Protein backbone atom coordinates (compact mmCIF):
# COMPACT_ATOMS: atom_id res chain seq x y z
CA MET A 1 96.46 106.17 132.48
CA GLU A 2 95.01 104.95 136.02
CA ARG A 3 95.87 102.09 137.04
CA ARG A 4 92.45 99.73 137.38
CA LYS A 5 92.08 97.61 141.13
CA GLU A 6 93.44 94.39 140.93
CA ASP A 7 92.25 92.84 144.09
CA ARG A 8 88.68 92.93 144.55
CA SER A 9 86.67 90.68 147.22
CA PHE A 10 83.78 88.81 146.89
CA LEU A 11 84.00 88.17 150.50
CA MET A 12 84.42 91.95 151.09
CA LEU A 13 81.59 93.05 148.93
CA ILE A 14 79.31 90.67 150.99
CA LEU A 15 80.01 91.82 154.05
CA LEU A 16 80.24 95.50 153.68
CA SER A 17 76.95 95.33 151.19
CA ILE A 18 75.09 94.10 155.24
CA VAL A 19 76.86 96.05 156.58
CA THR A 20 76.29 99.16 154.31
CA CYS A 21 72.59 97.89 153.68
CA GLY A 22 73.55 97.69 150.12
CA ILE A 23 75.11 101.46 149.55
CA TYR A 24 78.70 99.37 149.25
CA GLY A 25 77.27 97.25 146.93
CA ILE A 26 75.81 99.72 144.63
CA ILE A 27 79.66 101.83 144.46
CA PHE A 28 81.51 98.08 143.95
CA TYR A 29 79.36 97.27 141.23
CA TRP A 30 79.79 100.76 139.59
CA ASN A 31 83.25 100.54 138.97
CA LEU A 32 83.55 97.17 138.38
CA PHE A 33 81.38 97.83 135.29
CA GLN A 34 83.26 100.76 134.88
CA ASP A 35 86.81 99.04 134.88
CA ILE A 36 85.37 95.77 132.86
CA ASN A 37 85.14 98.52 129.91
CA VAL A 38 88.39 100.35 130.03
CA VAL A 39 90.20 96.93 130.68
CA CYS A 40 88.89 95.09 127.83
CA ARG A 41 88.17 98.38 124.89
CA PRO A 42 92.04 98.94 124.19
CA LYS A 43 91.97 95.16 123.21
CA GLU A 44 89.10 95.71 120.76
CA ASN A 45 88.56 97.09 117.25
CA ASP A 46 85.45 99.08 118.08
CA ASP A 47 82.84 100.25 120.87
CA SER A 48 80.23 97.72 119.90
CA GLN A 49 80.91 95.08 122.89
CA GLN A 50 80.86 97.96 125.67
CA SER A 51 78.64 97.40 128.72
CA PRO A 52 76.42 100.43 130.00
CA ASN A 53 77.07 101.62 133.68
CA TYR A 54 75.69 99.93 136.30
CA LEU A 55 72.63 101.91 136.93
CA ILE A 56 71.45 101.66 133.56
CA ALA A 57 71.89 97.98 133.62
CA PHE A 58 70.03 97.95 136.88
CA LEU A 59 67.07 99.77 135.08
CA LEU A 60 66.90 98.05 132.05
CA SER A 61 66.74 94.40 134.16
CA ILE A 62 64.24 96.01 136.24
CA ILE A 63 62.19 96.71 132.63
CA THR A 64 63.00 93.46 131.26
CA CYS A 65 62.01 91.73 134.89
CA GLY A 66 65.52 90.79 134.85
CA ILE A 67 66.46 89.08 131.75
CA TYR A 68 69.11 91.83 130.84
CA PHE A 69 71.21 91.03 133.06
CA TYR A 70 71.36 87.55 132.03
CA TYR A 71 72.16 88.43 128.87
CA TRP A 72 74.66 91.12 129.86
CA TYR A 73 76.04 88.32 131.84
CA TYR A 74 76.42 86.17 128.77
CA LYS A 75 77.96 89.27 126.21
CA GLN A 76 80.38 90.24 128.71
CA GLY A 77 81.43 86.61 129.78
CA ASN A 78 82.34 85.96 126.35
CA ARG A 79 83.95 89.44 126.30
CA MET A 80 86.23 88.68 128.56
CA GLN A 81 87.38 85.39 127.59
CA ARG A 82 88.13 87.42 124.28
CA VAL A 83 90.05 89.55 125.81
CA GLY A 84 92.00 87.44 128.01
CA HIS A 85 93.54 85.76 124.53
CA GLU A 86 94.41 89.52 123.23
CA TYR A 87 95.96 89.68 126.70
CA GLY A 88 97.98 86.31 126.52
CA ILE A 89 95.74 84.69 129.18
CA VAL A 90 93.48 81.78 129.17
CA ILE A 91 90.29 82.83 130.90
CA GLU A 92 88.36 79.14 131.41
CA GLU A 93 84.61 80.95 131.93
CA ASN A 94 82.79 82.20 128.81
CA GLY A 95 79.46 83.87 128.67
CA THR A 96 77.56 79.90 128.18
CA THR A 97 79.60 79.23 131.70
CA TYR A 98 77.79 82.62 133.68
CA LEU A 99 74.51 82.30 132.23
CA LEU A 100 74.46 78.58 133.49
CA TRP A 101 75.12 79.15 136.84
CA ALA A 102 72.63 81.93 136.76
CA LEU A 103 70.00 80.26 135.35
CA LEU A 104 70.81 76.64 137.11
CA GLY A 105 72.46 77.75 139.39
CA THR A 106 69.39 79.11 141.07
CA LEU A 107 68.76 75.62 141.88
CA LEU A 108 71.30 74.93 143.92
CA PHE A 109 70.03 76.82 147.08
CA GLY A 110 70.13 80.18 144.88
CA ILE A 111 74.17 80.15 144.94
CA GLY A 112 73.85 80.74 141.22
CA PRO A 113 74.23 84.19 140.69
CA LEU A 114 76.76 84.54 143.35
CA VAL A 115 78.50 82.45 141.85
CA VAL A 116 78.33 84.20 138.58
CA MET A 117 79.69 87.58 140.57
CA TYR A 118 82.67 85.31 142.37
CA LEU A 119 83.42 83.99 138.56
CA ILE A 120 83.31 87.97 136.83
CA ILE A 121 85.31 89.81 140.18
CA LYS A 122 87.99 86.73 139.53
CA ASN A 123 88.27 87.33 135.94
CA VAL A 124 88.33 90.77 136.14
CA ASN A 125 91.21 91.07 138.71
CA ARG A 126 92.88 89.12 136.48
CA LEU A 127 92.07 91.48 133.02
CA SER A 128 93.57 94.57 135.37
CA VAL A 129 96.48 93.10 136.40
CA CYS A 130 97.55 92.60 132.50
CA PHE A 131 95.76 95.94 131.64
CA ASN A 132 98.29 97.84 134.27
CA ARG A 133 101.26 96.02 133.11
CA GLU A 134 100.87 96.78 129.64
CA TYR A 135 99.18 100.31 129.58
CA VAL A 136 100.40 101.82 132.55
CA ASP A 137 103.35 100.16 134.35
CA GLY A 138 104.85 100.03 130.32
CA ASN A 139 104.00 103.46 129.78
CA ALA A 140 102.58 102.04 126.36
CA GLY A 141 101.49 105.81 125.66
CA GLY A 142 104.26 106.87 122.91
CA TYR A 143 106.00 106.96 120.00
CA SER A 144 108.44 104.36 118.55
CA GLY A 145 110.16 105.53 115.49
CA ARG A 146 111.76 103.91 112.59
CA TYR A 147 114.84 103.30 114.90
CA GLY A 148 113.28 101.61 117.28
CA GLN A 149 113.20 104.69 120.05
CA ASN A 150 110.55 105.32 122.11
CA TYR A 151 108.76 108.72 122.04
CA TYR A 152 107.02 109.49 125.31
CA ALA A 153 104.66 112.59 126.24
CA GLY A 154 106.17 115.83 127.91
CA GLN A 155 105.96 119.60 127.52
CA ASN A 156 107.51 121.46 125.05
CA GLN A 157 109.98 119.00 124.29
CA SER A 158 111.56 117.72 120.74
CA TYR A 159 112.09 114.04 120.91
CA GLY A 160 115.40 113.55 118.45
CA TYR A 161 117.08 110.45 117.23
CA GLU A 162 119.81 109.65 120.14
CA ASN A 163 122.00 106.71 118.12
CA GLN A 164 125.03 108.74 116.29
CA ASN A 165 124.44 106.77 113.45
CA ASN A 166 120.86 107.89 112.92
CA ALA A 167 122.14 111.45 112.37
CA PHE A 168 124.75 110.54 109.62
CA GLU A 169 122.38 108.67 108.35
CA GLN A 170 119.64 111.16 107.60
CA GLU A 171 122.70 113.59 106.55
CA ILE A 172 123.91 111.94 104.13
CA GLY A 173 120.79 110.17 103.04
CA ARG A 174 119.78 106.44 103.14
CA GLU A 175 120.09 103.97 100.85
CA GLU A 176 116.82 101.80 101.14
CA HIS A 177 113.81 101.37 99.18
CA PHE A 178 110.36 101.89 101.54
CA GLN A 179 108.17 99.57 99.73
CA ASN A 180 104.66 98.07 100.89
CA ASN A 181 103.92 100.79 103.49
CA ASN A 182 100.89 100.54 105.54
CA ASP A 183 98.89 102.50 103.07
CA GLY A 184 100.29 99.86 100.08
CA VAL A 185 102.25 102.25 98.20
CA THR A 186 105.74 101.56 96.66
CA TYR A 187 108.23 104.42 96.81
CA GLY A 188 111.51 104.84 95.48
CA THR A 189 115.12 105.76 97.27
CA PRO A 190 115.29 108.92 99.30
CA THR A 191 117.59 111.70 97.98
CA ILE A 192 119.90 114.15 100.03
CA GLY A 193 118.68 117.23 101.16
CA LEU A 194 114.94 116.77 101.30
CA LYS A 195 112.51 118.66 103.64
CA GLN A 196 111.64 117.41 106.79
CA GLY A 197 108.39 117.33 108.39
CA THR A 198 107.00 117.34 112.43
CA LEU A 199 104.42 115.73 113.86
CA VAL A 200 103.23 117.86 116.75
CA CYS A 201 100.56 116.79 119.57
CA THR A 202 98.67 119.86 120.41
CA ARG A 203 96.12 118.22 122.85
CA GLY A 204 96.14 114.65 124.54
CA MET A 205 98.40 112.23 126.63
CA MET A 206 101.25 112.82 124.56
CA LYS A 207 100.73 116.48 124.10
CA GLY A 208 104.22 118.44 123.82
CA ALA A 209 105.75 116.05 121.82
CA GLN A 210 107.46 116.56 118.44
CA ILE A 211 107.78 113.80 116.49
CA PRO A 212 110.20 114.37 113.09
CA LEU A 213 109.08 112.96 109.65
CA GLN A 214 111.41 112.11 107.19
CA ASP A 215 110.42 112.14 103.38
CA ARG A 216 107.98 109.11 103.05
CA GLU A 217 107.93 108.24 106.79
CA VAL A 218 105.00 106.55 107.60
CA VAL A 219 103.65 106.72 111.09
CA THR A 220 100.68 104.53 111.81
CA ILE A 221 98.43 105.66 115.68
CA GLY A 222 96.56 103.21 117.42
CA ARG A 223 96.17 101.69 120.73
CA ASP A 224 97.42 97.93 118.97
CA SER A 225 101.40 98.16 119.69
CA ALA A 226 101.90 95.44 116.96
CA VAL A 227 100.75 97.17 113.89
CA CYS A 228 101.44 100.76 115.50
CA ASN A 229 104.33 102.65 116.34
CA LEU A 230 102.50 105.67 118.28
CA ILE A 231 100.39 104.55 120.57
CA LEU A 232 97.82 106.06 122.43
CA THR A 233 95.58 104.51 124.68
CA ASP A 234 92.79 106.43 125.09
CA MET A 235 88.89 104.90 124.92
CA ASP A 236 88.36 106.39 121.25
CA ILE A 237 91.44 105.45 119.71
CA SER A 238 91.13 102.36 117.62
CA ARG A 239 93.57 99.71 117.65
CA ARG A 240 94.93 100.57 114.28
CA HIS A 241 93.32 104.60 114.32
CA CYS A 242 95.55 106.06 111.13
CA THR A 243 98.38 106.72 109.29
CA VAL A 244 100.40 110.17 108.68
CA GLN A 245 103.04 110.03 105.81
CA PHE A 246 105.03 113.20 105.12
CA SER A 247 106.07 113.61 101.23
CA SER A 248 109.23 116.12 101.10
CA SER A 249 108.50 116.77 97.60
CA GLU A 250 105.09 117.93 97.84
CA ASN A 251 105.83 119.57 101.11
CA CYS A 252 102.55 117.78 102.32
CA TYR A 253 101.27 115.19 104.22
CA TYR A 254 99.08 111.97 103.35
CA VAL A 255 96.75 110.46 106.07
CA THR A 256 94.38 107.25 106.16
CA ASP A 257 91.65 106.63 108.21
CA TYR A 258 91.19 103.49 109.54
CA SER A 259 89.43 103.72 112.76
CA SER A 260 85.98 103.47 114.08
CA LEU A 261 85.48 107.28 115.32
CA GLY A 262 87.13 108.62 112.59
CA VAL A 263 89.57 111.51 111.62
CA SER A 264 88.62 115.25 111.99
CA VAL A 265 90.36 117.88 110.01
CA ASN A 266 90.60 121.50 111.20
CA GLY A 267 87.63 120.56 113.38
CA GLY A 268 85.28 120.22 110.45
CA LYS A 269 84.59 117.19 108.28
CA LYS A 270 85.92 114.03 108.59
CA LEU A 271 88.30 112.00 106.38
CA GLU A 272 86.86 109.36 104.13
CA LYS A 273 87.83 105.76 105.62
CA HIS A 274 90.32 104.19 103.75
CA VAL A 275 91.46 106.48 101.37
CA LEU A 276 94.80 108.17 100.96
CA THR A 277 93.72 112.04 102.13
CA LYS A 278 96.22 115.12 101.32
CA CYS A 279 96.53 117.31 103.93
CA GLU A 280 98.75 120.65 103.74
CA LYS A 281 101.42 121.54 106.14
CA GLY A 282 99.27 123.48 108.80
CA THR A 283 96.78 121.00 108.88
CA LYS A 284 95.25 119.86 112.38
CA ILE A 285 94.05 116.98 112.68
CA LEU A 286 91.50 115.04 115.35
CA LEU A 287 91.16 111.77 116.66
CA GLY A 288 88.58 109.93 117.08
CA GLU A 289 86.03 111.79 119.79
CA GLY A 290 88.87 114.68 119.93
CA SER A 291 90.92 113.61 123.07
CA ASN A 292 93.98 113.71 120.54
CA GLU A 293 94.79 116.34 118.39
CA PHE A 294 97.89 116.59 115.96
CA LEU A 295 99.20 119.46 114.19
CA LEU A 296 100.73 118.61 110.56
CA GLN A 297 103.89 121.26 111.04
């Protein structure tokens, strides 16, 4: 993931916009609008709060005689405050704050819109710091297996359990019950000598990764590390996108789609939402708009 800028300067925006006859301002706003979407998207369930790019917003503002930008201030202000809470920071200003400054602040020598932009820049900087720390510096993309190990992308690499105790447990079978998994299904105890599955990433940020799956082991794929153990941070991935489970007795997989943009099978039809779907070995599942693909091997 690309780092987002953390030190945007309101003063520099004003000065360079004047010097460049407004050209710098267009570039600045284009990047700002884009960064708002990037830093907010990982903490949202869907794309309903997405902002259009700056040029579209500017055209809509012209068509509506400036009304659209007031709507944009309100919507994105509430969005940033909500996302800030998800990141664990407090953003005091919300959509109402921006709207009041934009409307009433114009009576104070016309400085209202300038105050709004100052506040937006300040809060986007704060969100960018959180985004970079969690999704860039923290290497968010990866897989945390049943034993807590993280798996990261790499070309033609097979990621195994490093703990020697884990290898011993795999050999003799673990004497435990996997109950109340993500699909609400209750299972009994695994037996010795069962087949193993492998989840292979063939496209995306983890391309080349090979993740071994034991019998009845569930991998939850998504953006939210609180509910998922395979983390993908692409824009088309939902907080909890889907689950993948291997069944040794049937030598197949079961996939359940929980996402907003869906899961496609072998480049064809999408899975039915919230339905446990049987997939044979060799099936390829495409997540969202296709930025990530996995082979059920």
